[in-house]
């Protein structure tokens, strides 16, 4: 009988945790895919594994994180080193992609 009572207690706590999940804000449920769809066509910062940053407009990307950017600027150690019209980055070099609030900031 004690084991039956113990088994019932976790069910009650699971119900409580599922209720907590339902009450979380919708913004917390966004996936990385949702973020990438939202920033498509907008200014982004792409950091490579080497530490180099590329700032520009995200033109397109694929499932391998291969990236095409327009109006791209290359920054090494925080210093602008080059400007490109179009830029293609192989996905295995990408550390992260972040959204920029404004172009040029």
PDB file of N, CA and C in Angstrom:
ATOM      1  N   UNK A   1       0.824  -1.191   0.000  1.00  0.00           N
ATOM      2  CA  UNK A   1       0.000   0.000   0.000  1.00  0.00           C
ATOM      3  C   UNK A   1       0.867   1.252   0.000  1.00  0.00           C
ATOM      4  N   UNK A   2       1.975   1.214   0.717  1.00  0.00           N
ATOM      5  CA  UNK A   2       2.830   2.391   0.755  1.00  0.00           C
ATOM      6  C   UNK A   2       3.422   2.669  -0.626  1.00  0.00           C
ATOM      7  N   UNK A   3       3.769   1.621  -1.365  1.00  0.00           N
ATOM      8  CA  UNK A   3       4.334   1.839  -2.692  1.00  0.00           C
ATOM      9  C   UNK A   3       3.293   2.433  -3.636  1.00  0.00           C
ATOM     10  N   UNK A   4       2.018   2.079  -3.455  1.00  0.00           N
ATOM     11  CA  UNK A   4       0.954   2.650  -4.282  1.00  0.00           C
ATOM     12  C   UNK A   4       0.801   4.133  -3.983  1.00  0.00           C
ATOM     13  N   UNK A   5       0.867   4.516  -2.724  1.00  0.00           N
ATOM     14  CA  UNK A   5       0.775   5.916  -2.334  1.00  0.00           C
ATOM     15  C   UNK A   5       1.968   6.693  -2.888  1.00  0.00           C
ATOM     16  N   UNK A   6       3.146   6.098  -2.834  1.00  0.00           N
ATOM     17  CA  UNK A   6       4.339   6.754  -3.351  1.00  0.00           C
ATOM     18  C   UNK A   6       4.218   6.960  -4.856  1.00  0.00           C
ATOM     19  N   UNK A   7       3.666   5.983  -5.557  1.00  0.00           N
ATOM     20  CA  UNK A   7       3.497   6.112  -6.997  1.00  0.00           C
ATOM     21  C   UNK A   7       2.494   7.202  -7.334  1.00  0.00           C
ATOM     22  N   UNK A   8       1.481   7.405  -6.483  1.00  0.00           N
ATOM     23  CA  UNK A   8       0.478   8.424  -6.748  1.00  0.00           C
ATOM     24  C   UNK A   8       1.046   9.818  -6.538  1.00  0.00           C
ATOM     25  N   UNK A   9       1.976   9.979  -5.613  1.00  0.00           N
ATOM     26  CA  UNK A   9       2.535  11.294  -5.327  1.00  0.00           C
ATOM     27  C   UNK A   9       3.280  11.876  -6.530  1.00  0.00           C
ATOM     28  N   UNK A  10       4.130  11.116  -7.224  1.00  0.00           N
ATOM     29  CA  UNK A  10       4.790  11.701  -8.392  1.00  0.00           C
ATOM     30  C   UNK A  10       3.817  12.117  -9.479  1.00  0.00           C
ATOM     31  N   UNK A  11       2.692  11.386  -9.636  1.00  0.00           N
ATOM     32  CA  UNK A  11       1.702  11.775 -10.642  1.00  0.00           C
ATOM     33  C   UNK A  11       1.157  13.154 -10.325  1.00  0.00           C
ATOM     34  N   UNK A  12       0.913  13.443  -9.065  1.00  0.00           N
ATOM     35  CA  UNK A  12       0.411  14.740  -8.660  1.00  0.00           C
ATOM     36  C   UNK A  12       1.446  15.816  -8.966  1.00  0.00           C
ATOM     37  N   UNK A  13       2.721  15.541  -8.674  1.00  0.00           N
ATOM     38  CA  UNK A  13       3.755  16.527  -8.939  1.00  0.00           C
ATOM     39  C   UNK A  13       3.963  16.710 -10.437  1.00  0.00           C
ATOM     40  N   UNK A  14       3.781  15.662 -11.253  1.00  0.00           N
ATOM     41  CA  UNK A  14       3.884  15.805 -12.701  1.00  0.00           C
ATOM     42  C   UNK A  14       2.780  16.701 -13.238  1.00  0.00           C
ATOM     43  N   UNK A  15       1.591  16.586 -12.679  1.00  0.00           N
ATOM     44  CA  UNK A  15       0.488  17.443 -13.086  1.00  0.00           C
ATOM     45  C   UNK A  15       0.826  18.889 -12.796  1.00  0.00           C
ATOM     46  N   UNK A  16       1.426  19.131 -11.643  1.00  0.00           N
ATOM     47  CA  UNK A  16       1.809  20.490 -11.271  1.00  0.00           C
ATOM     48  C   UNK A  16       2.855  21.030 -12.230  1.00  0.00           C
ATOM     49  N   UNK A  17       3.856  20.208 -12.615  1.00  0.00           N
ATOM     50  CA  UNK A  17       4.897  20.685 -13.528  1.00  0.00           C
ATOM     51  C   UNK A  17       4.322  20.937 -14.916  1.00  0.00           C
ATOM     52  N   UNK A  18       3.359  20.122 -15.370  1.00  0.00           N
ATOM     53  CA  UNK A  18       2.765  20.364 -16.685  1.00  0.00           C
ATOM     54  C   UNK A  18       1.917  21.630 -16.666  1.00  0.00           C
ATOM     55  N   UNK A  19       1.293  21.929 -15.517  1.00  0.00           N
ATOM     56  CA  UNK A  19       0.546  23.172 -15.402  1.00  0.00           C
ATOM     57  C   UNK A  19       1.496  24.358 -15.480  1.00  0.00           C
ATOM     58  N   UNK A  20       2.684  24.221 -14.888  1.00  0.00           N
ATOM     59  CA  UNK A  20       3.671  25.293 -14.941  1.00  0.00           C
ATOM     60  C   UNK A  20       4.142  25.511 -16.373  1.00  0.00           C
ATOM     61  N   UNK A  21       4.280  24.449 -17.147  1.00  0.00           N
ATOM     62  CA  UNK A  21       4.699  24.567 -18.541  1.00  0.00           C
ATOM     63  C   UNK A  21       3.640  25.303 -19.348  1.00  0.00           C
ATOM     64  N   UNK A  22       2.376  24.984 -19.088  1.00  0.00           N
ATOM     65  CA  UNK A  22       1.296  25.637 -19.814  1.00  0.00           C
ATOM     66  C   UNK A  22       1.222  27.119 -19.504  1.00  0.00           C
ATOM     67  N   UNK A  23       1.646  27.551 -18.326  1.00  0.00           N
ATOM     68  CA  UNK A  23       1.543  28.953 -17.953  1.00  0.00           C
ATOM     69  C   UNK A  23       2.752  29.776 -18.379  1.00  0.00           C
ATOM     70  N   UNK A  24       3.775  29.145 -18.990  1.00  0.00           N
ATOM     71  CA  UNK A  24       4.937  29.898 -19.438  1.00  0.00           C
ATOM     72  C   UNK A  24       4.555  30.759 -20.632  1.00  0.00           C
ATOM     73  N   UNK A  25       5.219  31.923 -20.788  1.00  0.00           N
ATOM     74  CA  UNK A  25       4.878  32.807 -21.903  1.00  0.00           C
ATOM     75  C   UNK A  25       5.203  32.169 -23.252  1.00  0.00           C
ATOM     76  N   UNK A  26       4.495  32.575 -24.267  1.00  0.00           N
ATOM     77  CA  UNK A  26       4.679  32.015 -25.605  1.00  0.00           C
ATOM     78  C   UNK A  26       6.077  32.326 -26.120  1.00  0.00           C
ATOM     79  N   UNK A  27       6.644  33.473 -25.793  1.00  0.00           N
ATOM     80  CA  UNK A  27       7.973  33.844 -26.266  1.00  0.00           C
ATOM     81  C   UNK A  27       9.027  32.829 -25.829  1.00  0.00           C
ATOM     82  N   UNK A  28       8.829  32.174 -24.703  1.00  0.00           N
ATOM     83  CA  UNK A  28       9.794  31.195 -24.209  1.00  0.00           C
ATOM     84  C   UNK A  28       9.765  29.922 -25.042  1.00  0.00           C
ATOM     85  N   UNK A  29       8.751  29.711 -25.845  1.00  0.00           N
ATOM     86  CA  UNK A  29       8.619  28.488 -26.624  1.00  0.00           C
ATOM     87  C   UNK A  29       9.178  28.627 -28.042  1.00  0.00           C
ATOM     88  N   UNK A  30       9.810  29.755 -28.368  1.00  0.00           N
ATOM     89  CA  UNK A  30      10.359  29.952 -29.718  1.00  0.00           C
ATOM     90  C   UNK A  30      11.573  29.059 -29.933  1.00  0.00           C
ATOM     91  N   UNK A  31      11.673  28.525 -31.115  1.00  0.00           N
ATOM     92  CA  UNK A  31      12.790  27.651 -31.451  1.00  0.00           C
ATOM     93  C   UNK A  31      13.852  28.446 -32.221  1.00  0.00           C
ATOM     94  N   UNK A  32      15.066  27.914 -32.335  1.00  0.00           N
ATOM     95  CA  UNK A  32      16.083  28.577 -33.151  1.00  0.00           C
ATOM     96  C   UNK A  32      15.625  28.761 -34.604  1.00  0.00           C
ATOM     97  N   UNK A  33      14.856  27.822 -35.100  1.00  0.00           N
ATOM     98  CA  UNK A  33      14.328  27.940 -36.462  1.00  0.00           C
ATOM     99  C   UNK A  33      13.410  29.159 -36.586  1.00  0.00           C
ATOM    100  N   UNK A  34      12.597  29.409 -35.562  1.00  0.00           N
ATOM    101  CA  UNK A  34      11.717  30.579 -35.559  1.00  0.00           C
ATOM    102  C   UNK A  34      12.542  31.868 -35.590  1.00  0.00           C
ATOM    103  N   UNK A  35      13.629  31.899 -34.816  1.00  0.00           N
ATOM    104  CA  UNK A  35      14.505  33.073 -34.798  1.00  0.00           C
ATOM    105  C   UNK A  35      15.091  33.316 -36.188  1.00  0.00           C
ATOM    106  N   UNK A  36      15.604  32.268 -36.820  1.00  0.00           N
ATOM    107  CA  UNK A  36      16.238  32.425 -38.130  1.00  0.00           C
ATOM    108  C   UNK A  36      15.235  32.889 -39.180  1.00  0.00           C
ATOM    109  N   UNK A  37      14.007  32.409 -39.120  1.00  0.00           N
ATOM    110  CA  UNK A  37      12.982  32.872 -40.047  1.00  0.00           C
ATOM    111  C   UNK A  37      12.670  34.348 -39.809  1.00  0.00           C
ATOM    112  N   UNK A  38      12.708  34.769 -38.539  1.00  0.00           N
ATOM    113  CA  UNK A  38      12.385  36.150 -38.198  1.00  0.00           C
ATOM    114  C   UNK A  38      13.472  37.124 -38.653  1.00  0.00           C
ATOM    115  N   UNK A  39      14.735  36.715 -38.669  1.00  0.00           N
ATOM    116  CA  UNK A  39      15.817  37.635 -39.033  1.00  0.00           C
ATOM    117  C   UNK A  39      16.195  37.555 -40.513  1.00  0.00           C
ATOM    118  N   UNK A  40      15.568  36.695 -41.265  1.00  0.00           N
ATOM    119  CA  UNK A  40      15.839  36.589 -42.694  1.00  0.00           C
ATOM    120  C   UNK A  40      15.520  37.925 -43.365  1.00  0.00           C
ATOM    121  N   UNK A  41      16.481  38.477 -44.090  1.00  0.00           N
ATOM    122  CA  UNK A  41      16.304  39.778 -44.729  1.00  0.00           C
ATOM    123  C   UNK A  41      16.612  40.957 -43.829  1.00  0.00           C
ATOM    124  N   UNK A  42      17.087  40.693 -42.618  1.00  0.00           N
ATOM    125  CA  UNK A  42      17.395  41.750 -41.653  1.00  0.00           C
ATOM    126  C   UNK A  42      18.882  41.737 -41.315  1.00  0.00           C
ATOM    127  N   UNK A  43      19.403  42.824 -40.761  1.00  0.00           N
ATOM    128  CA  UNK A  43      20.824  42.880 -40.379  1.00  0.00           C
ATOM    129  C   UNK A  43      21.156  41.901 -39.252  1.00  0.00           C
ATOM    130  N   UNK A  44      22.249  41.158 -39.432  1.00  0.00           N
ATOM    131  CA  UNK A  44      22.695  40.183 -38.437  1.00  0.00           C
ATOM    132  C   UNK A  44      24.201  40.287 -38.248  1.00  0.00           C
ATOM    133  N   UNK A  45      24.667  39.708 -37.157  1.00  0.00           N
ATOM    134  CA  UNK A  45      26.088  39.550 -36.889  1.00  0.00           C
ATOM    135  C   UNK A  45      26.355  38.049 -36.845  1.00  0.00           C
ATOM    136  N   UNK A  46      27.322  37.597 -37.655  1.00  0.00           N
ATOM    137  CA  UNK A  46      27.688  36.186 -37.678  1.00  0.00           C
ATOM    138  C   UNK A  46      29.108  36.065 -37.139  1.00  0.00           C
ATOM    139  N   UNK A  47      29.285  35.311 -36.060  1.00  0.00           N
ATOM    140  CA  UNK A  47      30.615  35.084 -35.495  1.00  0.00           C
ATOM    141  C   UNK A  47      31.083  33.705 -35.919  1.00  0.00           C
ATOM    142  N   UNK A  48      32.316  33.656 -36.438  1.00  0.00           N
ATOM    143  CA  UNK A  48      32.904  32.388 -36.842  1.00  0.00           C
ATOM    144  C   UNK A  48      33.688  31.779 -35.693  1.00  0.00           C
ATOM    145  N   UNK A  49      34.013  30.510 -35.805  1.00  0.00           N
ATOM    146  CA  UNK A  49      34.810  29.827 -34.786  1.00  0.00           C
ATOM    147  C   UNK A  49      36.169  30.501 -34.592  1.00  0.00           C
ATOM    148  N   UNK A  50      36.672  31.154 -35.627  1.00  0.00           N
ATOM    149  CA  UNK A  50      37.970  31.833 -35.558  1.00  0.00           C
ATOM    150  C   UNK A  50      37.901  33.156 -34.793  1.00  0.00           C
ATOM    151  N   UNK A  51      36.690  33.642 -34.513  1.00  0.00           N
ATOM    152  CA  UNK A  51      36.523  34.910 -33.813  1.00  0.00           C
ATOM    153  C   UNK A  51      36.208  36.064 -34.748  1.00  0.00           C
ATOM    154  N   UNK A  52      36.281  35.843 -36.039  1.00  0.00           N
ATOM    155  CA  UNK A  52      35.963  36.877 -37.026  1.00  0.00           C
ATOM    156  C   UNK A  52      34.460  37.105 -37.056  1.00  0.00           C
ATOM    157  N   UNK A  53      34.064  38.387 -37.149  1.00  0.00           N
ATOM    158  CA  UNK A  53      32.648  38.746 -37.224  1.00  0.00           C
ATOM    159  C   UNK A  53      32.316  39.239 -38.619  1.00  0.00           C
ATOM    160  N   UNK A  54      31.134  38.882 -39.096  1.00  0.00           N
ATOM    161  CA  UNK A  54      30.606  39.394 -40.349  1.00  0.00           C
ATOM    162  C   UNK A  54      29.271  40.042 -40.039  1.00  0.00           C
ATOM    163  N   UNK A  55      29.131  41.308 -40.419  1.00  0.00           N
ATOM    164  CA  UNK A  55      27.880  42.032 -40.214  1.00  0.00           C
ATOM    165  C   UNK A  55      27.301  42.369 -41.569  1.00  0.00           C
ATOM    166  N   UNK A  56      26.022  42.050 -41.738  1.00  0.00           N
ATOM    167  CA  UNK A  56      25.357  42.317 -42.999  1.00  0.00           C
ATOM    168  C   UNK A  56      23.919  41.852 -42.965  1.00  0.00           C
ATOM    169  N   UNK A  57      23.294  41.866 -44.111  1.00  0.00           N
ATOM    170  CA  UNK A  57      21.887  41.469 -44.232  1.00  0.00           C
ATOM    171  C   UNK A  57      21.832  39.985 -44.581  1.00  0.00           C
ATOM    172  N   UNK A  58      21.101  39.220 -43.781  1.00  0.00           N
ATOM    173  CA  UNK A  58      20.965  37.776 -44.002  1.00  0.00           C
ATOM    174  C   UNK A  58      20.075  37.541 -45.222  1.00  0.00           C
ATOM    175  N   UNK A  59      20.672  37.044 -46.303  1.00  0.00           N
ATOM    176  CA  UNK A  59      19.914  36.807 -47.539  1.00  0.00           C
ATOM    177  C   UNK A  59      19.234  35.447 -47.504  1.00  0.00           C
ATOM    178  N   UNK A  60      19.975  34.397 -47.137  1.00  0.00           N
ATOM    179  CA  UNK A  60      19.377  33.068 -47.032  1.00  0.00           C
ATOM    180  C   UNK A  60      20.316  32.140 -46.275  1.00  0.00           C
ATOM    181  N   UNK A  61      19.778  31.021 -45.837  1.00  0.00           N
ATOM    182  CA  UNK A  61      20.568  29.991 -45.180  1.00  0.00           C
ATOM    183  C   UNK A  61      19.872  28.663 -45.365  1.00  0.00           C
ATOM    184  N   UNK A  62      20.639  27.588 -45.165  1.00  0.00           N
ATOM    185  CA  UNK A  62      20.068  26.254 -45.335  1.00  0.00           C
ATOM    186  C   UNK A  62      20.188  25.449 -44.051  1.00  0.00           C
ATOM    187  N   UNK A  63      19.822  24.194 -44.104  1.00  0.00           N
ATOM    188  CA  UNK A  63      19.827  23.324 -42.937  1.00  0.00           C
ATOM    189  C   UNK A  63      21.207  23.025 -42.385  1.00  0.00           C
ATOM    190  N   UNK A  64      22.234  23.264 -43.188  1.00  0.00           N
ATOM    191  CA  UNK A  64      23.613  23.060 -42.733  1.00  0.00           C
ATOM    192  C   UNK A  64      24.218  24.343 -42.166  1.00  0.00           C
ATOM    193  N   UNK A  65      23.405  25.387 -42.041  1.00  0.00           N
ATOM    194  CA  UNK A  65      23.825  26.713 -41.569  1.00  0.00           C
ATOM    195  C   UNK A  65      24.752  27.408 -42.561  1.00  0.00           C
ATOM    196  N   UNK A  66      24.762  26.982 -43.835  1.00  0.00           N
ATOM    197  CA  UNK A  66      25.456  27.746 -44.864  1.00  0.00           C
ATOM    198  C   UNK A  66      24.697  29.055 -45.012  1.00  0.00           C
ATOM    199  N   UNK A  67      25.427  30.168 -45.063  1.00  0.00           N
ATOM    200  CA  UNK A  67      24.814  31.483 -44.994  1.00  0.00           C
ATOM    201  C   UNK A  67      25.194  32.306 -46.212  1.00  0.00           C
ATOM    202  N   UNK A  68      24.230  33.033 -46.750  1.00  0.00           N
ATOM    203  CA  UNK A  68      24.478  34.040 -47.772  1.00  0.00           C
ATOM    204  C   UNK A  68      24.076  35.388 -47.172  1.00  0.00           C
ATOM    205  N   UNK A  69      24.996  36.354 -47.276  1.00  0.00           N
ATOM    206  CA  UNK A  69      24.733  37.693 -46.738  1.00  0.00           C
ATOM    207  C   UNK A  69      24.983  38.737 -47.820  1.00  0.00           C
ATOM    208  N   UNK A  70      24.355  39.893 -47.677  1.00  0.00           N
ATOM    209  CA  UNK A  70      24.542  41.026 -48.563  1.00  0.00           C
ATOM    210  C   UNK A  70      25.040  42.212 -47.744  1.00  0.00           C
ATOM    211  N   UNK A  71      25.689  43.169 -48.406  1.00  0.00           N
ATOM    212  CA  UNK A  71      26.203  44.378 -47.744  1.00  0.00           C
ATOM    213  C   UNK A  71      27.035  43.995 -46.522  1.00  0.00           C
ATOM    214  N   UNK A  72      27.965  43.088 -46.708  1.00  0.00           N
ATOM    215  CA  UNK A  72      28.691  42.478 -45.596  1.00  0.00           C
ATOM    216  C   UNK A  72      29.971  43.226 -45.256  1.00  0.00           C
ATOM    217  N   UNK A  73      30.219  43.356 -43.969  1.00  0.00           N
ATOM    218  CA  UNK A  73      31.454  43.932 -43.451  1.00  0.00           C
ATOM    219  C   UNK A  73      32.153  42.887 -42.604  1.00  0.00           C
ATOM    220  N   UNK A  74      33.466  42.761 -42.767  1.00  0.00           N
ATOM    221  CA  UNK A  74      34.261  41.792 -42.010  1.00  0.00           C
ATOM    222  C   UNK A  74      35.028  42.524 -40.905  1.00  0.00           C
ATOM    223  N   UNK A  75      34.924  42.008 -39.684  1.00  0.00           N
ATOM    224  CA  UNK A  75      35.608  42.589 -38.535  1.00  0.00           C
ATOM    225  C   UNK A  75      36.533  41.541 -37.914  1.00  0.00           C
ATOM    226  N   UNK A  76      37.803  41.893 -37.764  1.00  0.00           N
ATOM    227  CA  UNK A  76      38.775  41.037 -37.093  1.00  0.00           C
ATOM    228  C   UNK A  76      39.259  41.807 -35.871  1.00  0.00           C
ATOM    229  N   UNK A  77      39.138  41.206 -34.701  1.00  0.00           N
ATOM    230  CA  UNK A  77      39.491  41.860 -33.432  1.00  0.00           C
ATOM    231  C   UNK A  77      38.796  43.207 -33.278  1.00  0.00           C
ATOM    232  N   UNK A  78      37.542  43.294 -33.747  1.00  0.00           N
ATOM    233  CA  UNK A  78      36.750  44.508 -33.592  1.00  0.00           C
ATOM    234  C   UNK A  78      37.049  45.590 -34.608  1.00  0.00           C
ATOM    235  N   UNK A  79      38.011  45.383 -35.491  1.00  0.00           N
ATOM    236  CA  UNK A  79      38.386  46.376 -36.500  1.00  0.00           C
ATOM    237  C   UNK A  79      37.831  45.976 -37.867  1.00  0.00           C
ATOM    238  N   UNK A  80      37.238  46.945 -38.561  1.00  0.00           N
ATOM    239  CA  UNK A  80      36.732  46.701 -39.905  1.00  0.00           C
ATOM    240  C   UNK A  80      37.906  46.414 -40.833  1.00  0.00           C
ATOM    241  N   UNK A  81      37.901  45.243 -41.475  1.00  0.00           N
ATOM    242  CA  UNK A  81      39.010  44.870 -42.349  1.00  0.00           C
ATOM    243  C   UNK A  81      38.615  44.801 -43.814  1.00  0.00           C
ATOM    244  N   UNK A  82      37.345  44.561 -44.129  1.00  0.00           N
ATOM    245  CA  UNK A  82      36.919  44.465 -45.530  1.00  0.00           C
ATOM    246  C   UNK A  82      35.416  44.664 -45.640  1.00  0.00           C
ATOM    247  N   UNK A  83      35.001  45.083 -46.837  1.00  0.00           N
ATOM    248  CA  UNK A  83      33.574  45.192 -47.164  1.00  0.00           C
ATOM    249  C   UNK A  83      33.324  44.368 -48.409  1.00  0.00           C
ATOM    250  N   UNK A  84      32.236  43.599 -48.395  1.00  0.00           N
ATOM    251  CA  UNK A  84      31.871  42.736 -49.512  1.00  0.00           C
ATOM    252  C   UNK A  84      30.439  43.034 -49.924  1.00  0.00           C
ATOM    253  N   UNK A  85      30.163  42.910 -51.212  1.00  0.00           N
ATOM    254  CA  UNK A  85      28.777  43.035 -51.670  1.00  0.00           C
ATOM    255  C   UNK A  85      27.973  41.823 -51.234  1.00  0.00           C
ATOM    256  N   UNK A  86      28.474  40.648 -51.596  1.00  0.00           N
ATOM    257  CA  UNK A  86      27.845  39.386 -51.206  1.00  0.00           C
ATOM    258  C   UNK A  86      28.875  38.529 -50.492  1.00  0.00           C
ATOM    259  N   UNK A  87      28.409  37.732 -49.555  1.00  0.00           N
ATOM    260  CA  UNK A  87      29.310  36.894 -48.765  1.00  0.00           C
ATOM    261  C   UNK A  87      28.642  35.546 -48.558  1.00  0.00           C
ATOM    262  N   UNK A  88      29.409  34.485 -48.752  1.00  0.00           N
ATOM    263  CA  UNK A  88      28.911  33.134 -48.517  1.00  0.00           C
ATOM    264  C   UNK A  88      29.778  32.488 -47.452  1.00  0.00           C
ATOM    265  N   UNK A  89      29.154  31.957 -46.412  1.00  0.00           N
ATOM    266  CA  UNK A  89      29.877  31.365 -45.289  1.00  0.00           C
ATOM    267  C   UNK A  89      29.445  29.916 -45.134  1.00  0.00           C
ATOM    268  N   UNK A  90      30.414  29.028 -45.092  1.00  0.00           N
ATOM    269  CA  UNK A  90      30.115  27.610 -44.886  1.00  0.00           C
ATOM    270  C   UNK A  90      29.662  27.386 -43.440  1.00  0.00           C
ATOM    271  N   UNK A  91      28.605  26.634 -43.268  1.00  0.00           N
ATOM    272  CA  UNK A  91      27.956  26.476 -41.974  1.00  0.00           C
ATOM    273  C   UNK A  91      28.815  25.898 -40.867  1.00  0.00           C
ATOM    274  N   UNK A  92      29.781  25.033 -41.183  1.00  0.00           N
ATOM    275  CA  UNK A  92      30.572  24.436 -40.104  1.00  0.00           C
ATOM    276  C   UNK A  92      31.535  25.433 -39.469  1.00  0.00           C
ATOM    277  N   UNK A  93      31.672  26.629 -40.044  1.00  0.00           N
ATOM    278  CA  UNK A  93      32.519  27.677 -39.471  1.00  0.00           C
ATOM    279  C   UNK A  93      31.752  28.604 -38.531  1.00  0.00           C
ATOM    280  N   UNK A  94      30.430  28.507 -38.487  1.00  0.00           N
ATOM    281  CA  UNK A  94      29.595  29.454 -37.750  1.00  0.00           C
ATOM    282  C   UNK A  94      29.513  29.077 -36.274  1.00  0.00           C
ATOM    283  N   UNK A  95      29.865  30.043 -35.422  1.00  0.00           N
ATOM    284  CA  UNK A  95      29.719  29.872 -33.978  1.00  0.00           C
ATOM    285  C   UNK A  95      28.317  30.292 -33.557  1.00  0.00           C
ATOM    286  N   UNK A  96      27.888  31.491 -34.002  1.00  0.00           N
ATOM    287  CA  UNK A  96      26.520  31.935 -33.712  1.00  0.00           C
ATOM    288  C   UNK A  96      26.075  33.006 -34.691  1.00  0.00           C
ATOM    289  N   UNK A  97      24.768  33.238 -34.720  1.00  0.00           N
ATOM    290  CA  UNK A  97      24.149  34.318 -35.491  1.00  0.00           C
ATOM    291  C   UNK A  97      23.330  35.129 -34.512  1.00  0.00           C
ATOM    292  N   UNK A  98      23.532  36.442 -34.512  1.00  0.00           N
ATOM    293  CA  UNK A  98      22.727  37.304 -33.642  1.00  0.00           C
ATOM    294  C   UNK A  98      22.118  38.426 -34.468  1.00  0.00           C
ATOM    295  N   UNK A  99      20.967  38.917 -34.034  1.00  0.00           N
ATOM    296  CA  UNK A  99      20.283  40.007 -34.723  1.00  0.00           C
ATOM    297  C   UNK A  99      20.896  41.334 -34.309  1.00  0.00           C
ATOM    298  N   UNK A 100      20.971  42.269 -35.245  1.00  0.00           N
ATOM    299  CA  UNK A 100      21.417  43.621 -34.939  1.00  0.00           C
ATOM    300  C   UNK A 100      20.190  44.496 -34.782  1.00  0.00           C
ATOM    301  N   UNK A 101      20.256  45.437 -33.858  1.00  0.00           N
ATOM    302  CA  UNK A 101      19.131  46.342 -33.674  1.00  0.00           C
ATOM    303  C   UNK A 101      19.009  47.300 -34.857  1.00  0.00           C
ATOM    304  N   UNK A 102      20.149  47.862 -35.285  1.00  0.00           N
ATOM    305  CA  UNK A 102      20.157  48.767 -36.431  1.00  0.00           C
ATOM    306  C   UNK A 102      21.337  48.422 -37.307  1.00  0.00           C
ATOM    307  N   UNK A 103      21.230  48.740 -38.583  1.00  0.00           N
ATOM    308  CA  UNK A 103      22.343  48.538 -39.506  1.00  0.00           C
ATOM    309  C   UNK A 103      23.439  49.532 -39.151  1.00  0.00           C
ATOM    310  N   UNK A 104      24.677  49.030 -39.007  1.00  0.00           N
ATOM    311  CA  UNK A 104      25.806  49.905 -38.711  1.00  0.00           C
ATOM    312  C   UNK A 104      26.073  50.076 -37.222  1.00  0.00           C
ATOM    313  N   UNK A 105      25.265  49.438 -36.365  1.00  0.00           N
ATOM    314  CA  UNK A 105      25.523  49.582 -34.917  1.00  0.00           C
ATOM    315  C   UNK A 105      26.320  48.444 -34.370  1.00  0.00           C
TER     316      UNK A 105
END
